[in-house]
N, C-alpha and C. Protein backbone atom coordinates (compact mmCIF):
# COMPACT_ATOMS: atom_id res chain seq x y z
N MET A 1 -29.88 29.81 66.53
CA MET A 1 -29.83 30.64 67.73
C MET A 1 -29.27 29.84 68.91
N ALA A 2 -29.68 28.58 69.07
CA ALA A 2 -29.19 27.78 70.19
C ALA A 2 -27.68 27.60 70.10
N MET A 3 -27.16 27.46 68.89
CA MET A 3 -25.72 27.27 68.72
C MET A 3 -24.93 28.47 69.22
N ILE A 4 -25.39 29.67 68.93
CA ILE A 4 -24.67 30.86 69.38
C ILE A 4 -24.71 30.96 70.91
N LEU A 5 -25.83 30.59 71.52
CA LEU A 5 -25.92 30.63 72.98
C LEU A 5 -25.01 29.59 73.62
N ASP A 6 -24.93 28.41 73.01
CA ASP A 6 -24.00 27.39 73.50
C ASP A 6 -22.58 27.91 73.47
N ARG A 7 -22.21 28.57 72.38
CA ARG A 7 -20.86 29.11 72.24
C ARG A 7 -20.63 30.27 73.20
N LEU A 8 -21.65 31.06 73.44
CA LEU A 8 -21.50 32.23 74.31
C LEU A 8 -21.20 31.85 75.75
N PHE A 9 -21.94 30.90 76.28
CA PHE A 9 -21.87 30.62 77.70
C PHE A 9 -21.11 29.36 78.06
N SER A 10 -20.30 28.86 77.14
CA SER A 10 -19.55 27.63 77.41
C SER A 10 -18.22 27.89 78.11
N SER A 11 -17.85 29.15 78.30
CA SER A 11 -16.56 29.47 78.91
C SER A 11 -16.72 30.56 79.97
N LYS A 12 -16.21 30.27 81.15
CA LYS A 12 -16.26 31.24 82.25
C LYS A 12 -15.46 32.51 81.88
N THR A 13 -14.34 32.33 81.21
CA THR A 13 -13.53 33.48 80.79
C THR A 13 -14.31 34.34 79.80
N ARG A 14 -14.98 33.71 78.87
CA ARG A 14 -15.77 34.44 77.87
C ARG A 14 -16.87 35.26 78.55
N VAL A 15 -17.52 34.67 79.54
CA VAL A 15 -18.58 35.37 80.27
C VAL A 15 -17.99 36.57 81.03
N LYS A 16 -16.83 36.39 81.64
CA LYS A 16 -16.18 37.50 82.35
C LYS A 16 -15.84 38.65 81.41
N ILE A 17 -15.34 38.32 80.23
CA ILE A 17 -15.00 39.34 79.24
C ILE A 17 -16.25 40.07 78.79
N LEU A 18 -17.29 39.31 78.47
CA LEU A 18 -18.54 39.94 78.05
C LEU A 18 -19.11 40.84 79.15
N THR A 19 -19.03 40.38 80.38
CA THR A 19 -19.52 41.18 81.50
C THR A 19 -18.77 42.50 81.59
N ALA A 20 -17.45 42.45 81.47
CA ALA A 20 -16.64 43.68 81.52
C ALA A 20 -16.99 44.61 80.36
N LEU A 21 -17.10 44.07 79.16
CA LEU A 21 -17.38 44.89 77.99
C LEU A 21 -18.79 45.46 78.02
N LEU A 22 -19.75 44.69 78.49
CA LEU A 22 -21.13 45.16 78.54
C LEU A 22 -21.38 46.15 79.67
N ALA A 23 -20.55 46.11 80.71
CA ALA A 23 -20.70 47.06 81.81
C ALA A 23 -20.42 48.49 81.35
N GLU A 24 -19.51 48.63 80.40
CA GLU A 24 -19.17 49.95 79.84
C GLU A 24 -19.07 49.81 78.32
N PRO A 25 -20.20 49.75 77.63
CA PRO A 25 -20.19 49.45 76.20
C PRO A 25 -19.51 50.49 75.31
N GLU A 26 -19.38 51.70 75.77
CA GLU A 26 -18.72 52.72 74.95
C GLU A 26 -17.20 52.70 75.12
N ARG A 27 -16.72 51.98 76.08
CA ARG A 27 -15.30 51.95 76.38
C ARG A 27 -14.57 50.90 75.54
N GLU A 28 -13.33 51.21 75.19
CA GLU A 28 -12.46 50.25 74.50
C GLU A 28 -11.39 49.78 75.48
N TYR A 29 -11.07 48.51 75.41
CA TYR A 29 -10.06 47.91 76.28
C TYR A 29 -8.96 47.30 75.43
N TYR A 30 -7.75 47.34 75.92
CA TYR A 30 -6.72 46.55 75.27
C TYR A 30 -6.62 45.23 76.01
N MET A 31 -6.01 44.25 75.39
CA MET A 31 -6.06 42.88 75.87
C MET A 31 -5.55 42.71 77.30
N ARG A 32 -4.42 43.30 77.62
CA ARG A 32 -3.88 43.15 78.98
C ARG A 32 -4.79 43.77 80.03
N GLU A 33 -5.44 44.85 79.67
CA GLU A 33 -6.38 45.50 80.57
C GLU A 33 -7.56 44.55 80.89
N LEU A 34 -8.06 43.87 79.88
CA LEU A 34 -9.12 42.89 80.10
C LEU A 34 -8.62 41.70 80.92
N ALA A 35 -7.40 41.28 80.68
CA ALA A 35 -6.83 40.17 81.46
C ALA A 35 -6.75 40.56 82.94
N ARG A 36 -6.32 41.79 83.21
CA ARG A 36 -6.24 42.24 84.60
C ARG A 36 -7.63 42.35 85.23
N SER A 37 -8.57 42.95 84.53
CA SER A 37 -9.88 43.18 85.12
C SER A 37 -10.67 41.89 85.31
N THR A 38 -10.42 40.89 84.48
CA THR A 38 -11.11 39.60 84.62
C THR A 38 -10.32 38.61 85.47
N GLU A 39 -9.08 38.95 85.78
CA GLU A 39 -8.18 38.07 86.54
C GLU A 39 -7.97 36.73 85.82
N GLU A 40 -7.84 36.81 84.51
CA GLU A 40 -7.58 35.63 83.69
C GLU A 40 -6.23 35.80 83.00
N VAL A 41 -5.62 34.70 82.59
CA VAL A 41 -4.33 34.77 81.92
C VAL A 41 -4.52 35.30 80.50
N ILE A 42 -3.49 35.96 80.01
CA ILE A 42 -3.57 36.63 78.71
C ILE A 42 -3.91 35.68 77.57
N GLY A 43 -3.41 34.47 77.62
CA GLY A 43 -3.69 33.49 76.55
C GLY A 43 -5.18 33.15 76.48
N SER A 44 -5.81 32.98 77.63
CA SER A 44 -7.25 32.69 77.65
C SER A 44 -8.06 33.87 77.15
N VAL A 45 -7.66 35.06 77.54
CA VAL A 45 -8.36 36.27 77.10
C VAL A 45 -8.22 36.43 75.59
N GLN A 46 -7.02 36.20 75.08
CA GLN A 46 -6.79 36.30 73.64
C GLN A 46 -7.67 35.31 72.86
N ARG A 47 -7.71 34.09 73.33
CA ARG A 47 -8.51 33.05 72.67
C ARG A 47 -9.99 33.42 72.69
N GLU A 48 -10.48 33.86 73.84
CA GLU A 48 -11.91 34.17 73.96
C GLU A 48 -12.30 35.44 73.20
N LEU A 49 -11.41 36.40 73.14
CA LEU A 49 -11.69 37.59 72.31
C LEU A 49 -11.81 37.18 70.85
N GLY A 50 -10.97 36.26 70.42
CA GLY A 50 -11.07 35.74 69.06
C GLY A 50 -12.41 35.05 68.81
N ASN A 51 -12.85 34.25 69.79
CA ASN A 51 -14.15 33.59 69.67
C ASN A 51 -15.29 34.61 69.60
N LEU A 52 -15.21 35.63 70.43
CA LEU A 52 -16.25 36.66 70.44
C LEU A 52 -16.25 37.48 69.16
N GLU A 53 -15.07 37.69 68.59
CA GLU A 53 -14.99 38.38 67.30
C GLU A 53 -15.61 37.54 66.20
N GLU A 54 -15.39 36.22 66.24
CA GLU A 54 -16.01 35.33 65.25
C GLU A 54 -17.53 35.41 65.31
N LEU A 55 -18.07 35.58 66.50
CA LEU A 55 -19.52 35.71 66.68
C LEU A 55 -20.00 37.13 66.38
N ASN A 56 -19.06 38.03 66.12
CA ASN A 56 -19.34 39.44 65.84
C ASN A 56 -19.92 40.18 67.06
N LEU A 57 -19.70 39.65 68.24
CA LEU A 57 -20.13 40.31 69.47
C LEU A 57 -19.11 41.33 69.95
N VAL A 58 -17.88 41.16 69.50
CA VAL A 58 -16.79 42.07 69.85
C VAL A 58 -16.15 42.54 68.56
N VAL A 59 -15.82 43.81 68.53
CA VAL A 59 -15.09 44.37 67.39
C VAL A 59 -13.78 44.93 67.92
N SER A 60 -12.78 44.93 67.05
CA SER A 60 -11.47 45.44 67.47
C SER A 60 -10.97 46.44 66.46
N GLN A 61 -10.04 47.24 66.95
CA GLN A 61 -9.41 48.25 66.10
C GLN A 61 -7.95 48.34 66.52
N ARG A 62 -7.07 48.32 65.54
CA ARG A 62 -5.64 48.42 65.81
C ARG A 62 -5.23 49.87 65.74
N ARG A 63 -4.54 50.32 66.80
CA ARG A 63 -3.97 51.67 66.84
C ARG A 63 -2.54 51.55 67.36
N ALA A 64 -1.63 52.08 66.56
CA ALA A 64 -0.20 51.98 66.88
C ALA A 64 0.15 50.50 67.06
N ASN A 65 0.68 50.14 68.22
CA ASN A 65 1.08 48.75 68.47
C ASN A 65 0.06 47.99 69.30
N ALA A 66 -1.11 48.58 69.52
CA ALA A 66 -2.10 47.94 70.38
C ALA A 66 -3.40 47.68 69.61
N ARG A 67 -4.10 46.66 70.05
CA ARG A 67 -5.40 46.34 69.48
C ARG A 67 -6.43 46.58 70.58
N PHE A 68 -7.44 47.36 70.28
CA PHE A 68 -8.47 47.71 71.25
C PHE A 68 -9.76 47.00 70.92
N PHE A 69 -10.46 46.55 71.97
CA PHE A 69 -11.68 45.77 71.82
C PHE A 69 -12.84 46.47 72.51
N ARG A 70 -14.01 46.32 71.91
CA ARG A 70 -15.23 46.81 72.53
C ARG A 70 -16.38 45.92 72.08
N VAL A 71 -17.46 45.99 72.82
CA VAL A 71 -18.65 45.22 72.45
C VAL A 71 -19.28 45.83 71.20
N ASN A 72 -19.82 44.98 70.36
CA ASN A 72 -20.49 45.43 69.15
C ASN A 72 -21.94 45.77 69.51
N ARG A 73 -22.22 47.05 69.65
CA ARG A 73 -23.56 47.49 70.05
C ARG A 73 -24.59 47.31 68.93
N ARG A 74 -24.15 46.97 67.75
CA ARG A 74 -25.08 46.74 66.63
C ARG A 74 -25.48 45.27 66.48
N HIS A 75 -24.90 44.41 67.29
CA HIS A 75 -25.23 42.98 67.23
C HIS A 75 -26.67 42.78 67.71
N TYR A 76 -27.39 41.87 67.07
CA TYR A 76 -28.79 41.68 67.42
C TYR A 76 -29.01 41.17 68.84
N LEU A 77 -28.02 40.53 69.45
CA LEU A 77 -28.15 40.06 70.83
C LEU A 77 -27.70 41.08 71.87
N TYR A 78 -27.13 42.19 71.44
CA TYR A 78 -26.59 43.18 72.37
C TYR A 78 -27.60 43.61 73.44
N PRO A 79 -28.81 44.06 73.08
CA PRO A 79 -29.74 44.52 74.12
C PRO A 79 -30.07 43.42 75.15
N GLU A 80 -30.24 42.20 74.67
CA GLU A 80 -30.57 41.09 75.57
C GLU A 80 -29.41 40.75 76.50
N LEU A 81 -28.21 40.69 75.95
CA LEU A 81 -27.03 40.39 76.77
C LEU A 81 -26.80 41.47 77.82
N LYS A 82 -26.93 42.71 77.41
CA LYS A 82 -26.75 43.83 78.35
C LYS A 82 -27.77 43.73 79.48
N SER A 83 -29.00 43.41 79.13
CA SER A 83 -30.06 43.26 80.12
C SER A 83 -29.77 42.10 81.08
N MET A 84 -29.31 40.96 80.56
CA MET A 84 -28.99 39.81 81.41
C MET A 84 -27.86 40.14 82.38
N ILE A 85 -26.83 40.82 81.89
CA ILE A 85 -25.70 41.17 82.76
C ILE A 85 -26.15 42.14 83.83
N ALA A 86 -26.97 43.13 83.45
CA ALA A 86 -27.46 44.12 84.42
C ALA A 86 -28.33 43.46 85.48
N LYS A 87 -29.20 42.56 85.08
CA LYS A 87 -30.07 41.87 86.04
C LYS A 87 -29.27 41.00 86.98
N THR A 88 -28.24 40.35 86.47
CA THR A 88 -27.40 39.50 87.31
C THR A 88 -26.64 40.34 88.33
N ALA A 89 -26.14 41.49 87.89
CA ALA A 89 -25.41 42.37 88.81
C ALA A 89 -26.34 42.88 89.91
N LYS A 90 -27.58 43.21 89.57
CA LYS A 90 -28.55 43.67 90.57
C LYS A 90 -28.90 42.57 91.55
N ALA A 91 -28.84 41.32 91.09
CA ALA A 91 -29.16 40.19 91.95
C ALA A 91 -28.03 39.86 92.92
N GLY A 92 -26.91 40.56 92.78
CA GLY A 92 -25.84 40.39 93.75
C GLY A 92 -24.74 39.45 93.36
N GLY A 93 -24.44 39.35 92.10
CA GLY A 93 -23.34 38.48 91.69
C GLY A 93 -23.05 38.62 90.23
N SER A 94 -21.99 37.98 89.83
CA SER A 94 -21.64 38.02 88.41
C SER A 94 -22.29 36.85 87.70
N PHE A 95 -22.56 37.02 86.45
CA PHE A 95 -23.14 35.96 85.64
C PHE A 95 -22.21 34.75 85.63
N ALA A 96 -20.92 34.99 85.59
CA ALA A 96 -19.94 33.90 85.53
C ALA A 96 -20.02 33.02 86.80
N SER A 97 -20.14 33.64 87.96
CA SER A 97 -20.21 32.84 89.18
C SER A 97 -21.54 32.11 89.28
N LYS A 98 -22.63 32.73 88.85
CA LYS A 98 -23.93 32.05 88.85
C LYS A 98 -23.89 30.84 87.92
N ARG A 99 -23.28 31.00 86.77
CA ARG A 99 -23.19 29.93 85.78
C ARG A 99 -22.41 28.75 86.35
N SER A 100 -21.29 29.01 86.98
CA SER A 100 -20.46 27.92 87.49
C SER A 100 -21.12 27.23 88.69
N ASP A 101 -21.92 27.97 89.46
CA ASP A 101 -22.60 27.37 90.61
C ASP A 101 -23.76 26.47 90.19
N ASN A 102 -24.40 26.80 89.09
CA ASN A 102 -25.58 26.08 88.65
C ASN A 102 -25.31 25.08 87.55
N GLY A 103 -24.09 24.81 87.27
CA GLY A 103 -23.75 23.82 86.25
C GLY A 103 -23.51 24.46 84.91
N PRO A 104 -23.35 23.65 83.87
CA PRO A 104 -22.99 24.14 82.54
C PRO A 104 -24.05 24.93 81.85
């Protein structure tokens, strides 16, 4: 369990992507849309989506020439992650900015 948490929160880009996906769990995003909403470069978003897919926290589906991503609501950590993101938003900030302010 500790290993998955280390992998989850080791990247500010990954946290931003998770925050966007968990804010609207029923929604699917394509990669460029996530890059725009997180204000991260496409290469970083692509790498982090791959990492999140390896952890099975994100699932993707290819349609036509695009690949769409959404959070995996069946993952055992989904309820906890959603709760953490919601609590952080209520506290007046993003999880990513809190993480970077308080160290690794």
